């Protein structure tokens, strides 16, 4: 029997959802995204659950989108409407933790890269190991994430720096700029996350839900949703454009695998 892509456990009033592709560094495949959506829905439907924890199995929280060779990518290649629809679906996925009635805590170890970084930022709170690394390197291979949430979390200046360069930052720096809430020793991450989640679960779920909705509505009134939807159009346009660095990167992916392709591209940015 195949391993479940997303695990689900209940600890009192806390639901723990675990991305379970450790061999792929929990890269977000279509199947994993669908499994996560189902787990989030299960937590939402359970009246005994007050708080949700999202974590990744293995050494990495989430390496980002799964960029392994994919027939569906070839099917939409050069087709603006199909590409736009794909990125809208991706944005809808990232908005699931945001839209949940219950607070979601991201518990991050290892790398939270690209779509994994976006997913962590879409959670209400983020606790990270002191060895964790955050970043959105997509621009280095002529791509941009579908959910451009970073400017809303860390401000325009810092977001531009990280999004324009594709540089990564430490957990300490991520906490300093407001990307995450708390940094703990790597060995203490699981226990510290659950301690925090259980403490939060002591609050009445109705009060937590109302508070989250009030905060979200304020941010959305300021244009959050409209900004994300507007940005997706530009992301789709980029993905149907012919860009040399993009093609060379994916040629490397096909020939040598994603890890080798990332090493090849990142090596060009070493000072």
C-alpha atoms as a PDB file:
ATOM      1  CA  UNK A   1       0.000   0.000   0.000  1.00  0.00           C
ATOM      2  CA  UNK A   2       1.319   3.438  -0.930  1.00  0.00           C
ATOM      3  CA  UNK A   3       2.178   5.861   1.868  1.00  0.00           C
ATOM      4  CA  UNK A   4      -0.366   8.575   2.547  1.00  0.00           C
ATOM      5  CA  UNK A   5       0.859  11.895   1.168  1.00  0.00           C
ATOM      6  CA  UNK A   6      -0.634  13.890   4.034  1.00  0.00           C
ATOM      7  CA  UNK A   7      -0.918  12.430   7.526  1.00  0.00           C
ATOM      8  CA  UNK A   8      -3.551  13.501  10.046  1.00  0.00           C
ATOM      9  CA  UNK A   9      -3.429  13.202  13.829  1.00  0.00           C
ATOM     10  CA  UNK A  10      -5.505  14.674  16.634  1.00  0.00           C
ATOM     11  CA  UNK A  11      -3.994  15.713  19.970  1.00  0.00           C
ATOM     12  CA  UNK A  12      -6.761  17.107  22.159  1.00  0.00           C
ATOM     13  CA  UNK A  13      -8.007  20.235  20.448  1.00  0.00           C
ATOM     14  CA  UNK A  14      -5.100  20.284  17.984  1.00  0.00           C
ATOM     15  CA  UNK A  15      -5.081  18.690  14.528  1.00  0.00           C
ATOM     16  CA  UNK A  16      -1.619  17.929  13.144  1.00  0.00           C
ATOM     17  CA  UNK A  17      -1.313  17.723   9.346  1.00  0.00           C
ATOM     18  CA  UNK A  18       1.995  16.365   8.057  1.00  0.00           C
ATOM     19  CA  UNK A  19       3.255  16.587   4.487  1.00  0.00           C
ATOM     20  CA  UNK A  20       4.628  13.114   3.866  1.00  0.00           C
ATOM     21  CA  UNK A  21       6.952  13.123   0.860  1.00  0.00           C
ATOM     22  CA  UNK A  22      10.285  13.170   2.721  1.00  0.00           C
ATOM     23  CA  UNK A  23      12.115  11.564  -0.204  1.00  0.00           C
ATOM     24  CA  UNK A  24      11.017  14.541  -2.355  1.00  0.00           C
ATOM     25  CA  UNK A  25      11.603  17.083   0.427  1.00  0.00           C
ATOM     26  CA  UNK A  26       7.804  17.442   0.592  1.00  0.00           C
ATOM     27  CA  UNK A  27       7.684  19.126  -2.815  1.00  0.00           C
ATOM     28  CA  UNK A  28       4.113  20.133  -3.613  1.00  0.00           C
ATOM     29  CA  UNK A  29       2.835  17.777  -6.286  1.00  0.00           C
ATOM     30  CA  UNK A  30      -0.772  17.977  -7.464  1.00  0.00           C
ATOM     31  CA  UNK A  31      -1.574  14.875  -5.434  1.00  0.00           C
ATOM     32  CA  UNK A  32       0.004  16.264  -2.257  1.00  0.00           C
ATOM     33  CA  UNK A  33      -1.874  19.545  -2.609  1.00  0.00           C
ATOM     34  CA  UNK A  34      -5.162  17.688  -2.974  1.00  0.00           C
ATOM     35  CA  UNK A  35      -4.367  15.520   0.044  1.00  0.00           C
ATOM     36  CA  UNK A  36      -3.592  18.626   2.126  1.00  0.00           C
ATOM     37  CA  UNK A  37      -6.855  20.255   1.097  1.00  0.00           C
ATOM     38  CA  UNK A  38      -8.731  17.144   2.270  1.00  0.00           C
ATOM     39  CA  UNK A  39      -6.900  17.162   5.607  1.00  0.00           C
ATOM     40  CA  UNK A  40      -7.621  20.861   6.156  1.00  0.00           C
ATOM     41  CA  UNK A  41     -11.291  20.218   5.405  1.00  0.00           C
ATOM     42  CA  UNK A  42     -11.331  17.379   7.943  1.00  0.00           C
ATOM     43  CA  UNK A  43      -9.914  19.689  10.612  1.00  0.00           C
ATOM     44  CA  UNK A  44     -12.423  22.377   9.714  1.00  0.00           C
ATOM     45  CA  UNK A  45     -15.337  19.956  10.025  1.00  0.00           C
ATOM     46  CA  UNK A  46     -14.280  18.623  13.437  1.00  0.00           C
ATOM     47  CA  UNK A  47     -15.925  20.762  16.128  1.00  0.00           C
ATOM     48  CA  UNK A  48     -13.460  19.466  18.717  1.00  0.00           C
ATOM     49  CA  UNK A  49     -10.502  20.971  16.855  1.00  0.00           C
ATOM     50  CA  UNK A  50      -9.516  24.533  17.764  1.00  0.00           C
ATOM     51  CA  UNK A  51      -6.037  24.798  16.195  1.00  0.00           C
ATOM     52  CA  UNK A  52      -4.268  23.181  13.226  1.00  0.00           C
ATOM     53  CA  UNK A  53      -0.525  22.507  12.947  1.00  0.00           C
ATOM     54  CA  UNK A  54       1.056  22.075   9.506  1.00  0.00           C
ATOM     55  CA  UNK A  55       4.426  20.347   9.387  1.00  0.00           C
ATOM     56  CA  UNK A  56       6.651  18.387   7.021  1.00  0.00           C
ATOM     57  CA  UNK A  57       8.018  14.891   7.501  1.00  0.00           C
ATOM     58  CA  UNK A  58      11.779  14.465   7.270  1.00  0.00           C
ATOM     59  CA  UNK A  59      14.527  17.085   7.175  1.00  0.00           C
ATOM     60  CA  UNK A  60      12.609  19.658   5.129  1.00  0.00           C
ATOM     61  CA  UNK A  61       9.327  21.469   5.695  1.00  0.00           C
ATOM     62  CA  UNK A  62       8.706  21.970   1.973  1.00  0.00           C
ATOM     63  CA  UNK A  63      11.144  22.460  -0.905  1.00  0.00           C
ATOM     64  CA  UNK A  64       8.479  24.199  -3.010  1.00  0.00           C
ATOM     65  CA  UNK A  65       6.524  23.162  -6.061  1.00  0.00           C
ATOM     66  CA  UNK A  66       7.322  19.787  -7.569  1.00  0.00           C
ATOM     67  CA  UNK A  67       9.231  20.634 -10.759  1.00  0.00           C
ATOM     68  CA  UNK A  68       9.851  17.055 -11.847  1.00  0.00           C
ATOM     69  CA  UNK A  69       9.027  16.413 -15.519  1.00  0.00           C
ATOM     70  CA  UNK A  70       5.245  16.617 -15.790  1.00  0.00           C
ATOM     71  CA  UNK A  71       3.071  15.939 -18.882  1.00  0.00           C
ATOM     72  CA  UNK A  72       0.521  18.535 -17.748  1.00  0.00           C
ATOM     73  CA  UNK A  73       3.203  21.238 -17.900  1.00  0.00           C
ATOM     74  CA  UNK A  74       3.788  20.387 -21.554  1.00  0.00           C
ATOM     75  CA  UNK A  75       0.033  20.423 -22.238  1.00  0.00           C
ATOM     76  CA  UNK A  76      -0.321  24.024 -21.089  1.00  0.00           C
ATOM     77  CA  UNK A  77       3.005  25.230 -22.484  1.00  0.00           C
ATOM     78  CA  UNK A  78       2.386  28.279 -24.672  1.00  0.00           C
ATOM     79  CA  UNK A  79      -1.343  28.300 -23.838  1.00  0.00           C
ATOM     80  CA  UNK A  80      -2.105  31.468 -21.878  1.00  0.00           C
ATOM     81  CA  UNK A  81      -5.579  30.435 -20.746  1.00  0.00           C
ATOM     82  CA  UNK A  82      -4.479  27.021 -19.469  1.00  0.00           C
ATOM     83  CA  UNK A  83      -1.457  28.557 -17.745  1.00  0.00           C
ATOM     84  CA  UNK A  84      -3.568  31.239 -16.094  1.00  0.00           C
ATOM     85  CA  UNK A  85      -6.098  28.616 -14.903  1.00  0.00           C
ATOM     86  CA  UNK A  86      -3.245  26.520 -13.476  1.00  0.00           C
ATOM     87  CA  UNK A  87      -1.915  29.439 -11.438  1.00  0.00           C
ATOM     88  CA  UNK A  88      -5.395  30.349 -10.216  1.00  0.00           C
ATOM     89  CA  UNK A  89      -5.780  26.790  -8.899  1.00  0.00           C
ATOM     90  CA  UNK A  90      -2.373  27.048  -7.249  1.00  0.00           C
ATOM     91  CA  UNK A  91      -3.368  30.337  -5.609  1.00  0.00           C
ATOM     92  CA  UNK A  92      -6.606  28.744  -4.387  1.00  0.00           C
ATOM     93  CA  UNK A  93      -4.554  25.985  -2.753  1.00  0.00           C
ATOM     94  CA  UNK A  94      -2.273  28.445  -0.953  1.00  0.00           C
ATOM     95  CA  UNK A  95      -5.289  30.339   0.347  1.00  0.00           C
ATOM     96  CA  UNK A  96      -6.731  27.269   2.103  1.00  0.00           C
ATOM     97  CA  UNK A  97      -4.913  27.848   5.441  1.00  0.00           C
ATOM     98  CA  UNK A  98      -5.791  31.544   5.219  1.00  0.00           C
ATOM     99  CA  UNK A  99      -9.483  30.795   4.626  1.00  0.00           C
ATOM    100  CA  UNK A 100      -9.794  28.132   7.323  1.00  0.00           C
ATOM    101  CA  UNK A 101     -11.939  29.213  10.283  1.00  0.00           C
ATOM    102  CA  UNK A 102      -9.307  27.873  12.663  1.00  0.00           C
ATOM    103  CA  UNK A 103      -5.783  29.230  13.220  1.00  0.00           C
ATOM    104  CA  UNK A 104      -3.051  27.308  11.394  1.00  0.00           C
ATOM    105  CA  UNK A 105       0.484  27.128  12.807  1.00  0.00           C
ATOM    106  CA  UNK A 106       3.318  26.250  10.403  1.00  0.00           C
ATOM    107  CA  UNK A 107       6.103  24.279  12.096  1.00  0.00           C
ATOM    108  CA  UNK A 108       9.178  24.684   9.879  1.00  0.00           C
ATOM    109  CA  UNK A 109      12.413  22.726   9.822  1.00  0.00           C
ATOM    110  CA  UNK A 110      15.030  22.618   7.093  1.00  0.00           C
ATOM    111  CA  UNK A 111      13.983  24.547   4.014  1.00  0.00           C
ATOM    112  CA  UNK A 112      10.782  26.441   3.244  1.00  0.00           C
ATOM    113  CA  UNK A 113      11.425  27.400  -0.352  1.00  0.00           C
ATOM    114  CA  UNK A 114       9.285  28.870  -3.119  1.00  0.00           C
ATOM    115  CA  UNK A 115       5.756  27.569  -2.796  1.00  0.00           C
ATOM    116  CA  UNK A 116       6.740  26.100   0.586  1.00  0.00           C
ATOM    117  CA  UNK A 117       7.700  29.555   1.831  1.00  0.00           C
ATOM    118  CA  UNK A 118       4.415  30.943   0.485  1.00  0.00           C
ATOM    119  CA  UNK A 119       2.493  28.158   2.217  1.00  0.00           C
ATOM    120  CA  UNK A 120       4.165  28.941   5.553  1.00  0.00           C
ATOM    121  CA  UNK A 121       3.371  32.640   5.150  1.00  0.00           C
ATOM    122  CA  UNK A 122      -0.277  31.835   4.423  1.00  0.00           C
ATOM    123  CA  UNK A 123      -0.528  30.168   7.830  1.00  0.00           C
ATOM    124  CA  UNK A 124      -1.595  32.353  10.746  1.00  0.00           C
ATOM    125  CA  UNK A 125       1.576  31.753  12.751  1.00  0.00           C
ATOM    126  CA  UNK A 126       4.971  30.229  12.032  1.00  0.00           C
ATOM    127  CA  UNK A 127       7.408  28.594  14.456  1.00  0.00           C
ATOM    128  CA  UNK A 128      10.766  27.622  12.971  1.00  0.00           C
ATOM    129  CA  UNK A 129      13.866  25.703  13.940  1.00  0.00           C
ATOM    130  CA  UNK A 130      16.969  27.845  14.341  1.00  0.00           C
ATOM    131  CA  UNK A 131      18.492  25.994  11.375  1.00  0.00           C
ATOM    132  CA  UNK A 132      15.553  26.665   9.027  1.00  0.00           C
ATOM    133  CA  UNK A 133      16.016  28.557   5.760  1.00  0.00           C
ATOM    134  CA  UNK A 134      13.400  30.617   3.916  1.00  0.00           C
ATOM    135  CA  UNK A 135      13.276  32.012   0.401  1.00  0.00           C
ATOM    136  CA  UNK A 136      11.646  32.193  -3.009  1.00  0.00           C
ATOM    137  CA  UNK A 137      14.330  31.403  -5.598  1.00  0.00           C
ATOM    138  CA  UNK A 138      11.974  31.028  -8.578  1.00  0.00           C
ATOM    139  CA  UNK A 139      13.097  34.202 -10.342  1.00  0.00           C
ATOM    140  CA  UNK A 140      16.486  32.608 -10.942  1.00  0.00           C
ATOM    141  CA  UNK A 141      14.841  30.315 -13.463  1.00  0.00           C
ATOM    142  CA  UNK A 142      12.431  32.898 -14.886  1.00  0.00           C
ATOM    143  CA  UNK A 143       9.507  32.050 -12.655  1.00  0.00           C
ATOM    144  CA  UNK A 144       7.482  33.781  -9.952  1.00  0.00           C
ATOM    145  CA  UNK A 145       5.302  32.150  -7.309  1.00  0.00           C
ATOM    146  CA  UNK A 146       1.539  32.053  -7.821  1.00  0.00           C
ATOM    147  CA  UNK A 147       0.805  33.505  -4.366  1.00  0.00           C
ATOM    148  CA  UNK A 148       2.701  36.783  -3.993  1.00  0.00           C
ATOM    149  CA  UNK A 149       1.942  37.168  -0.312  1.00  0.00           C
ATOM    150  CA  UNK A 150       5.410  38.268   0.808  1.00  0.00           C
ATOM    151  CA  UNK A 151       4.893  42.066   0.398  1.00  0.00           C
ATOM    152  CA  UNK A 152       1.925  41.819   2.779  1.00  0.00           C
ATOM    153  CA  UNK A 153       4.010  40.025   5.405  1.00  0.00           C
ATOM    154  CA  UNK A 154       7.414  41.746   5.370  1.00  0.00           C
ATOM    155  CA  UNK A 155       6.726  44.992   3.496  1.00  0.00           C
ATOM    156  CA  UNK A 156       7.476  46.043  -0.062  1.00  0.00           C
ATOM    157  CA  UNK A 157      11.179  46.889   0.283  1.00  0.00           C
ATOM    158  CA  UNK A 158      12.213  43.625   1.926  1.00  0.00           C
ATOM    159  CA  UNK A 159       9.912  41.591  -0.327  1.00  0.00           C
ATOM    160  CA  UNK A 160      11.382  43.176  -3.453  1.00  0.00           C
ATOM    161  CA  UNK A 161      14.902  42.323  -2.291  1.00  0.00           C
ATOM    162  CA  UNK A 162      14.061  38.674  -1.663  1.00  0.00           C
ATOM    163  CA  UNK A 163      11.795  38.206  -4.685  1.00  0.00           C
ATOM    164  CA  UNK A 164      14.068  40.055  -7.135  1.00  0.00           C
ATOM    165  CA  UNK A 165      17.251  38.199  -6.143  1.00  0.00           C
ATOM    166  CA  UNK A 166      15.951  34.791  -5.106  1.00  0.00           C
ATOM    167  CA  UNK A 167      18.218  34.951  -2.047  1.00  0.00           C
ATOM    168  CA  UNK A 168      17.480  32.871   1.054  1.00  0.00           C
ATOM    169  CA  UNK A 169      17.439  34.007   4.686  1.00  0.00           C
ATOM    170  CA  UNK A 170      17.934  32.325   8.035  1.00  0.00           C
ATOM    171  CA  UNK A 171      15.189  31.730  10.554  1.00  0.00           C
ATOM    172  CA  UNK A 172      16.695  34.467  12.742  1.00  0.00           C
ATOM    173  CA  UNK A 173      16.466  36.978   9.895  1.00  0.00           C
ATOM    174  CA  UNK A 174      12.950  35.781   9.004  1.00  0.00           C
ATOM    175  CA  UNK A 175      11.861  36.469  12.579  1.00  0.00           C
ATOM    176  CA  UNK A 176      13.576  39.859  12.540  1.00  0.00           C
ATOM    177  CA  UNK A 177      11.628  41.038   9.471  1.00  0.00           C
ATOM    178  CA  UNK A 178       8.300  39.604  10.632  1.00  0.00           C
ATOM    179  CA  UNK A 179       8.073  36.644   8.255  1.00  0.00           C
ATOM    180  CA  UNK A 180       7.807  34.204  11.171  1.00  0.00           C
ATOM    181  CA  UNK A 181       6.813  34.457  14.836  1.00  0.00           C
ATOM    182  CA  UNK A 182       9.245  32.370  16.833  1.00  0.00           C
ATOM    183  CA  UNK A 183      12.594  30.583  16.498  1.00  0.00           C
ATOM    184  CA  UNK A 184      13.437  27.569  18.679  1.00  0.00           C
ATOM    185  CA  UNK A 185      16.312  25.065  18.777  1.00  0.00           C
ATOM    186  CA  UNK A 186      15.886  22.437  16.087  1.00  0.00           C
ATOM    187  CA  UNK A 187      15.661  19.613  18.632  1.00  0.00           C
ATOM    188  CA  UNK A 188      12.798  21.403  20.401  1.00  0.00           C
ATOM    189  CA  UNK A 189      10.706  22.304  17.340  1.00  0.00           C
ATOM    190  CA  UNK A 190       8.017  19.606  17.594  1.00  0.00           C
ATOM    191  CA  UNK A 191       7.556  19.995  21.356  1.00  0.00           C
ATOM    192  CA  UNK A 192       7.614  23.801  21.226  1.00  0.00           C
ATOM    193  CA  UNK A 193       5.063  23.872  18.413  1.00  0.00           C
ATOM    194  CA  UNK A 194       2.669  21.549  20.235  1.00  0.00           C
ATOM    195  CA  UNK A 195       3.080  23.455  23.502  1.00  0.00           C
ATOM    196  CA  UNK A 196       2.158  26.659  21.683  1.00  0.00           C
ATOM    197  CA  UNK A 197      -0.752  25.000  19.851  1.00  0.00           C
ATOM    198  CA  UNK A 198      -2.179  23.474  23.041  1.00  0.00           C
ATOM    199  CA  UNK A 199      -1.956  26.845  24.784  1.00  0.00           C
ATOM    200  CA  UNK A 200      -3.809  28.467  21.905  1.00  0.00           C
ATOM    201  CA  UNK A 201      -6.422  25.695  21.991  1.00  0.00           C
ATOM    202  CA  UNK A 202      -7.313  26.737  25.542  1.00  0.00           C
ATOM    203  CA  UNK A 203      -9.010  29.751  24.002  1.00  0.00           C
ATOM    204  CA  UNK A 204     -12.590  29.091  22.959  1.00  0.00           C
ATOM    205  CA  UNK A 205     -12.702  28.001  19.305  1.00  0.00           C
ATOM    206  CA  UNK A 206     -15.543  30.432  18.638  1.00  0.00           C
ATOM    207  CA  UNK A 207     -13.454  33.334  19.951  1.00  0.00           C
ATOM    208  CA  UNK A 208     -10.417  32.206  17.935  1.00  0.00           C
ATOM    209  CA  UNK A 209     -12.499  31.884  14.776  1.00  0.00           C
ATOM    210  CA  UNK A 210     -14.052  35.318  15.188  1.00  0.00           C
ATOM    211  CA  UNK A 211     -10.684  36.912  15.899  1.00  0.00           C
ATOM    212  CA  UNK A 212      -9.123  35.286  12.819  1.00  0.00           C
ATOM    213  CA  UNK A 213     -12.039  36.376  10.653  1.00  0.00           C
ATOM    214  CA  UNK A 214     -11.796  39.944  11.962  1.00  0.00           C
ATOM    215  CA  UNK A 215      -8.067  40.118  11.214  1.00  0.00           C
ATOM    216  CA  UNK A 216      -8.506  38.543   7.768  1.00  0.00           C
ATOM    217  CA  UNK A 217     -11.375  40.839   6.827  1.00  0.00           C
ATOM    218  CA  UNK A 218      -9.318  43.879   7.751  1.00  0.00           C
ATOM    219  CA  UNK A 219      -6.421  42.741   5.582  1.00  0.00           C
ATOM    220  CA  UNK A 220      -8.741  41.809   2.734  1.00  0.00           C
ATOM    221  CA  UNK A 221     -10.490  45.185   2.966  1.00  0.00           C
ATOM    222  CA  UNK A 222      -7.062  46.729   2.378  1.00  0.00           C
ATOM    223  CA  UNK A 223      -6.864  44.847  -0.928  1.00  0.00           C
ATOM    224  CA  UNK A 224      -5.128  41.571  -0.074  1.00  0.00           C
ATOM    225  CA  UNK A 225      -7.289  39.262  -2.195  1.00  0.00           C
ATOM    226  CA  UNK A 226      -7.463  41.673  -5.114  1.00  0.00           C
ATOM    227  CA  UNK A 227      -3.686  42.061  -5.048  1.00  0.00           C
ATOM    228  CA  UNK A 228      -3.130  38.294  -5.165  1.00  0.00           C
ATOM    229  CA  UNK A 229      -5.615  37.868  -8.018  1.00  0.00           C
ATOM    230  CA  UNK A 230      -4.076  40.744  -9.979  1.00  0.00           C
ATOM    231  CA  UNK A 231      -0.560  39.354  -9.543  1.00  0.00           C
ATOM    232  CA  UNK A 232      -1.568  35.925 -10.871  1.00  0.00           C
ATOM    233  CA  UNK A 233      -2.213  37.469 -14.283  1.00  0.00           C
ATOM    234  CA  UNK A 234       1.384  38.674 -14.512  1.00  0.00           C
ATOM    235  CA  UNK A 235       2.676  35.330 -13.265  1.00  0.00           C
ATOM    236  CA  UNK A 236       0.718  33.544 -15.997  1.00  0.00           C
ATOM    237  CA  UNK A 237       2.096  35.923 -18.624  1.00  0.00           C
ATOM    238  CA  UNK A 238       5.652  35.189 -17.526  1.00  0.00           C
ATOM    239  CA  UNK A 239       5.077  31.452 -17.759  1.00  0.00           C
ATOM    240  CA  UNK A 240       4.001  31.569 -21.411  1.00  0.00           C
ATOM    241  CA  UNK A 241       6.972  33.734 -22.422  1.00  0.00           C
ATOM    242  CA  UNK A 242      10.063  32.239 -24.031  1.00  0.00           C
ATOM    243  CA  UNK A 243      12.983  32.992 -21.720  1.00  0.00           C
ATOM    244  CA  UNK A 244      16.396  31.453 -22.250  1.00  0.00           C
ATOM    245  CA  UNK A 245      17.283  30.939 -18.582  1.00  0.00           C
ATOM    246  CA  UNK A 246      13.939  29.229 -17.985  1.00  0.00           C
ATOM    247  CA  UNK A 247      14.441  26.790 -20.857  1.00  0.00           C
ATOM    248  CA  UNK A 248      18.023  25.996 -19.863  1.00  0.00           C
ATOM    249  CA  UNK A 249      16.910  25.340 -16.280  1.00  0.00           C
ATOM    250  CA  UNK A 250      14.177  22.910 -17.297  1.00  0.00           C
ATOM    251  CA  UNK A 251      16.497  21.220 -19.787  1.00  0.00           C
ATOM    252  CA  UNK A 252      18.754  20.553 -16.788  1.00  0.00           C
ATOM    253  CA  UNK A 253      15.774  19.275 -14.778  1.00  0.00           C
ATOM    254  CA  UNK A 254      14.892  16.808 -17.539  1.00  0.00           C
ATOM    255  CA  UNK A 255      18.475  15.667 -18.070  1.00  0.00           C
ATOM    256  CA  UNK A 256      19.909  15.640 -14.548  1.00  0.00           C
ATOM    257  CA  UNK A 257      17.007  16.107 -12.112  1.00  0.00           C
ATOM    258  CA  UNK A 258      15.759  19.053 -10.048  1.00  0.00           C
ATOM    259  CA  UNK A 259      18.572  19.002  -7.457  1.00  0.00           C
ATOM    260  CA  UNK A 260      21.284  19.251 -10.105  1.00  0.00           C
ATOM    261  CA  UNK A 261      19.383  22.004 -11.905  1.00  0.00           C
ATOM    262  CA  UNK A 262      19.139  24.063  -8.716  1.00  0.00           C
ATOM    263  CA  UNK A 263      22.851  23.571  -7.968  1.00  0.00           C
ATOM    264  CA  UNK A 264      23.758  24.669 -11.503  1.00  0.00           C
ATOM    265  CA  UNK A 265      21.672  27.834 -11.337  1.00  0.00           C
ATOM    266  CA  UNK A 266      22.499  28.817  -7.760  1.00  0.00           C
ATOM    267  CA  UNK A 267      26.235  28.403  -8.404  1.00  0.00           C
ATOM    268  CA  UNK A 268      26.008  31.405 -10.756  1.00  0.00           C
ATOM    269  CA  UNK A 269      24.971  33.664  -7.883  1.00  0.00           C
ATOM    270  CA  UNK A 270      27.831  32.855  -5.520  1.00  0.00           C
ATOM    271  CA  UNK A 271      29.738  36.053  -4.739  1.00  0.00           C
END
